[in-house]
Amino acid sequence: MYDLHNFILTRNEEQAKYLPQFGISGVSVIYENSFDFAAFKKLKERHLNLDLVSAVEVTANRKGEVKKAIDKFRNSVDLIIVNAQDNDAMRAAAENSSVDFISHAFVDQTSARECAENNVGLAFDVSDFLDAFGIRRATLISKLHFNLELARKYKIPILLVTGAQNVFGLRNPMQIIALAESFGFKHKEAVRAVMETPLEIVKRNRDKEKGIEVGDGVRIVK
């Protein structure tokens, strides 16, 4: 699987050796509000057994920060991720097709429609739920149910990701799928969110970088 919201390579690189044991063949290298190409290149050279996916995660407190980050990083990395801190930033992310997905994603109906129109995904971190207990976990699950219904209604791409910062946050695909089903996902939805959608996003962006336009099922090589 491709785990596109995973911080191990930038926070606990020595633990990256465990990733294949969890069925992870592709993994994000997330730089927060910045990007270090030289450091990423060295990581790739040290981890040839993994497909490393370069990513910038923008923690956006205002809508203008989303566009600023896209203008700065879109042509440098595989993924643009937005962690929106308020509704305006969330709306700005949902409205921009250059955003690949929104992390810790709990959106309202208006933003959900925009996500669908612009093919912006919603990512749900397993760690958010495993680290929460009692009322907080119940609240998160309730929000997940609401957003899952919106995703079904508007056909929004959904990603299930570990959010792991160390080996203790890792889960294999079957564990994530089973957990998602316990939270209300249908089996096919969970499988797609773990095994298919993340890889499709990476492949789509890399095709664009190679000059391959994809639209309506047509691939055109420039």
Protein backbone atom coordinates (compact mmCIF):
# COMPACT_ATOMS: atom_id res chain seq x y z
CA MET A 1 0.00 0.00 0.00
CA TYR A 2 0.94 3.67 -0.31
CA ASP A 3 0.74 5.48 3.02
CA LEU A 4 0.50 9.15 2.10
CA HIS A 5 0.28 10.71 5.56
CA ASN A 6 3.26 9.18 7.32
CA PHE A 7 6.02 11.11 9.10
CA ILE A 8 8.52 8.35 9.89
CA LEU A 9 11.09 9.32 7.26
CA THR A 10 11.32 12.90 8.49
CA ARG A 11 11.03 12.19 12.22
CA ASN A 12 12.33 8.66 12.89
CA GLU A 13 14.17 7.62 9.75
CA GLU A 14 15.87 4.65 11.40
CA GLN A 15 12.45 3.05 11.81
CA ALA A 16 11.76 3.10 8.05
CA LYS A 17 13.17 -0.45 7.89
CA TYR A 18 9.89 -1.65 9.41
CA LEU A 19 7.66 -0.18 6.68
CA PRO A 20 7.76 -3.20 4.31
CA GLN A 21 6.79 -5.47 7.22
CA PHE A 22 3.50 -3.56 7.35
CA GLY A 23 2.85 -3.95 3.64
CA ILE A 24 3.94 -0.40 2.84
CA SER A 25 5.75 -0.14 -0.50
CA GLY A 26 5.21 3.59 -1.07
CA VAL A 27 5.36 6.25 1.63
CA SER A 28 5.16 10.01 1.90
CA VAL A 29 8.12 12.12 2.91
CA ILE A 30 6.30 15.06 4.43
CA TYR A 31 7.90 18.46 4.81
CA GLU A 32 5.79 20.85 6.84
CA ASN A 33 5.38 24.28 5.21
CA SER A 34 8.70 23.82 3.39
CA PHE A 35 10.59 21.49 1.06
CA ASP A 36 14.23 20.38 1.10
CA PHE A 37 15.03 18.82 -2.27
CA ALA A 38 18.61 17.89 -1.33
CA ALA A 39 17.47 16.09 1.82
CA PHE A 40 14.73 14.28 -0.09
CA LYS A 41 17.21 13.13 -2.75
CA LYS A 42 19.47 11.67 -0.07
CA LEU A 43 16.54 9.87 1.52
CA LYS A 44 15.69 8.28 -1.83
CA GLU A 45 19.26 7.09 -2.20
CA ARG A 46 19.17 5.49 1.27
CA HIS A 47 15.79 3.76 0.83
CA LEU A 48 15.82 2.19 -2.62
CA ASN A 49 13.38 -0.53 -1.51
CA LEU A 50 10.61 2.06 -1.04
CA ASP A 51 8.84 4.43 -3.41
CA LEU A 52 9.30 7.74 -1.61
CA VAL A 53 6.63 10.32 -2.38
CA SER A 54 7.65 13.94 -1.84
CA ALA A 55 5.01 16.01 -0.06
CA VAL A 56 4.48 19.41 1.47
CA GLU A 57 1.83 19.68 4.16
CA VAL A 58 0.58 23.21 4.57
CA THR A 59 -0.87 24.12 7.94
CA ALA A 60 -3.18 26.90 6.82
CA ASN A 61 -4.73 29.37 9.25
CA ARG A 62 -5.99 31.66 6.49
CA LYS A 63 -7.23 31.08 2.96
CA GLY A 64 -4.38 33.08 1.42
CA GLU A 65 -1.84 30.64 2.84
CA VAL A 66 -3.23 27.83 0.69
CA LYS A 67 -2.68 29.62 -2.63
CA LYS A 68 0.71 30.92 -1.52
CA ALA A 69 1.90 27.39 -0.75
CA ILE A 70 0.55 25.99 -4.02
CA ASP A 71 2.32 28.69 -6.02
CA LYS A 72 5.56 27.96 -4.16
CA PHE A 73 5.62 24.15 -4.02
CA ARG A 74 3.27 22.60 -6.60
CA ASN A 75 5.93 22.12 -9.26
CA SER A 76 8.50 20.77 -6.77
CA VAL A 77 6.72 17.88 -5.04
CA ASP A 78 4.48 14.91 -5.74
CA LEU A 79 1.82 15.95 -3.23
CA ILE A 80 0.30 19.09 -1.79
CA ILE A 81 -1.52 18.37 1.47
CA VAL A 82 -3.51 20.96 3.40
CA ASN A 83 -4.15 20.80 7.13
CA ALA A 84 -6.81 23.52 7.36
CA GLN A 85 -7.17 25.26 10.69
CA ASP A 86 -10.33 27.23 9.95
CA ASN A 87 -13.32 27.12 7.62
CA ASP A 88 -11.96 29.71 5.18
CA ALA A 89 -8.72 27.76 4.75
CA MET A 90 -10.73 24.56 4.34
CA ARG A 91 -12.86 26.19 1.65
CA ALA A 92 -9.77 27.50 -0.15
CA ALA A 93 -8.24 24.01 -0.18
CA ALA A 94 -11.46 22.42 -1.43
CA GLU A 95 -11.74 24.97 -4.25
CA ASN A 96 -8.23 24.36 -5.61
CA SER A 97 -7.60 21.35 -7.84
CA SER A 98 -3.86 21.67 -7.18
CA VAL A 99 -4.48 20.37 -3.64
CA ASP A 100 -4.24 16.58 -3.55
CA PHE A 101 -5.99 16.02 -0.25
CA ILE A 102 -7.01 17.60 3.01
CA SER A 103 -5.58 15.92 6.12
CA HIS A 104 -7.50 15.35 9.36
CA ALA A 105 -10.43 16.02 7.08
CA PHE A 106 -13.76 16.96 8.57
CA VAL A 107 -15.57 19.23 6.12
CA ASP A 108 -18.96 20.89 5.84
CA GLN A 109 -21.40 20.34 2.99
CA THR A 110 -20.22 23.35 0.97
CA SER A 111 -16.58 22.29 1.14
CA ALA A 112 -17.59 18.72 0.31
CA ARG A 113 -19.20 19.87 -2.94
CA GLU A 114 -16.07 21.85 -3.81
CA CYS A 115 -13.85 18.84 -3.08
CA ALA A 116 -15.89 16.74 -5.46
CA GLU A 117 -15.80 19.36 -8.23
CA ASN A 118 -12.02 19.80 -7.92
CA ASN A 119 -11.08 16.17 -7.18
CA VAL A 120 -9.60 17.07 -3.79
CA GLY A 121 -9.39 14.05 -1.52
CA LEU A 122 -10.22 13.71 2.17
CA ALA A 123 -7.70 11.81 4.30
CA PHE A 124 -8.59 10.20 7.61
CA ASP A 125 -5.69 9.36 9.90
CA VAL A 126 -5.96 6.11 11.84
CA SER A 127 -3.78 7.71 14.52
CA ASP A 128 -6.40 10.39 15.20
CA PHE A 129 -8.82 7.69 16.31
CA LEU A 130 -6.38 5.37 18.08
CA ASP A 131 -4.99 8.24 20.14
CA ALA A 132 -8.45 9.42 21.25
CA PHE A 133 -10.53 7.97 24.06
CA GLY A 134 -13.99 8.36 25.55
CA ILE A 135 -16.02 11.35 24.44
CA ARG A 136 -13.28 12.62 22.12
CA ARG A 137 -13.19 9.35 20.17
CA ALA A 138 -16.99 9.24 20.01
CA THR A 139 -16.99 12.79 18.63
CA LEU A 140 -14.40 11.91 15.99
CA ILE A 141 -16.37 8.86 14.89
CA SER A 142 -19.56 10.93 14.66
CA LYS A 143 -17.76 13.46 12.45
CA LEU A 144 -16.36 10.62 10.37
CA HIS A 145 -19.85 9.23 9.78
CA PHE A 146 -21.06 12.66 8.61
CA ASN A 147 -18.11 13.09 6.25
CA LEU A 148 -18.40 9.57 4.94
CA GLU A 149 -22.00 10.29 3.98
CA LEU A 150 -20.89 13.48 2.22
CA ALA A 151 -18.16 11.56 0.39
CA ARG A 152 -20.70 9.00 -0.80
CA LYS A 153 -23.14 11.69 -1.86
CA TYR A 154 -20.64 13.77 -3.82
CA LYS A 155 -18.21 10.99 -4.79
CA ILE A 156 -15.20 12.54 -3.06
CA PRO A 157 -11.92 10.57 -3.10
CA ILE A 158 -11.23 9.12 0.35
CA LEU A 159 -7.84 8.07 1.72
CA LEU A 160 -7.22 6.03 4.85
CA VAL A 161 -3.71 6.72 6.16
CA THR A 162 -1.78 5.83 9.30
CA GLY A 163 -0.56 9.29 10.32
CA ALA A 164 2.34 7.38 11.89
CA GLN A 165 5.22 9.27 13.45
CA ASN A 166 7.00 6.13 14.64
CA VAL A 167 6.74 2.36 14.32
CA PHE A 168 4.04 2.19 17.00
CA GLY A 169 1.68 4.12 14.72
CA LEU A 170 2.03 1.73 11.80
CA ARG A 171 -0.75 -0.64 10.75
CA ASN A 172 -0.95 -3.07 7.87
CA PRO A 173 -3.69 -2.79 5.22
CA MET A 174 -5.93 -5.45 6.71
CA GLN A 175 -5.80 -3.79 10.13
CA ILE A 176 -6.73 -0.41 8.66
CA ILE A 177 -9.54 -1.92 6.60
CA ALA A 178 -10.94 -3.79 9.62
CA LEU A 179 -10.82 -0.63 11.73
CA ALA A 180 -12.52 1.39 8.99
CA GLU A 181 -15.30 -1.17 8.73
CA SER A 182 -15.86 -0.94 12.48
CA PHE A 183 -16.28 2.82 12.00
CA GLY A 184 -18.90 2.45 9.26
CA PHE A 185 -17.00 2.00 6.00
CA LYS A 186 -18.27 -0.62 3.59
CA HIS A 187 -15.63 -3.21 2.77
CA LYS A 188 -15.12 -2.02 -0.82
CA GLU A 189 -14.90 1.61 0.34
CA ALA A 190 -12.23 0.74 2.87
CA VAL A 191 -10.21 -1.33 0.40
CA ARG A 192 -10.32 1.47 -2.16
CA ALA A 193 -9.35 4.12 0.42
CA VAL A 194 -6.32 2.07 1.55
CA MET A 195 -5.12 0.25 -1.56
CA GLU A 196 -6.30 2.17 -4.62
CA THR A 197 -6.95 5.90 -4.18
CA PRO A 198 -3.53 6.82 -2.69
CA LEU A 199 -1.65 5.10 -5.52
CA GLU A 200 -3.96 6.68 -8.12
CA ILE A 201 -3.18 10.16 -6.77
CA VAL A 202 0.57 9.58 -6.93
CA LYS A 203 0.41 8.10 -10.43
CA ARG A 204 -1.82 10.92 -11.70
CA ASN A 205 0.59 13.58 -10.49
CA ARG A 206 3.65 11.81 -11.84
CA ASP A 207 1.96 11.41 -15.20
CA LYS A 208 1.37 15.16 -15.26
CA GLU A 209 5.05 15.76 -14.47
CA LYS A 210 5.98 13.56 -17.44
CA GLY A 211 3.73 15.58 -19.73
CA ILE A 212 0.94 13.03 -19.86
CA GLU A 213 -2.45 14.69 -19.75
CA VAL A 214 -5.24 12.60 -18.31
CA GLY A 215 -8.89 13.47 -18.82
CA ASP A 216 -12.10 11.56 -19.41
CA GLY A 217 -10.15 8.31 -19.56
CA VAL A 218 -7.81 9.62 -22.29
CA ARG A 219 -4.03 9.75 -21.89
CA ILE A 220 -2.17 12.07 -24.23
CA VAL A 221 1.63 12.12 -24.30
CA LYS A 222 2.96 15.53 -25.18
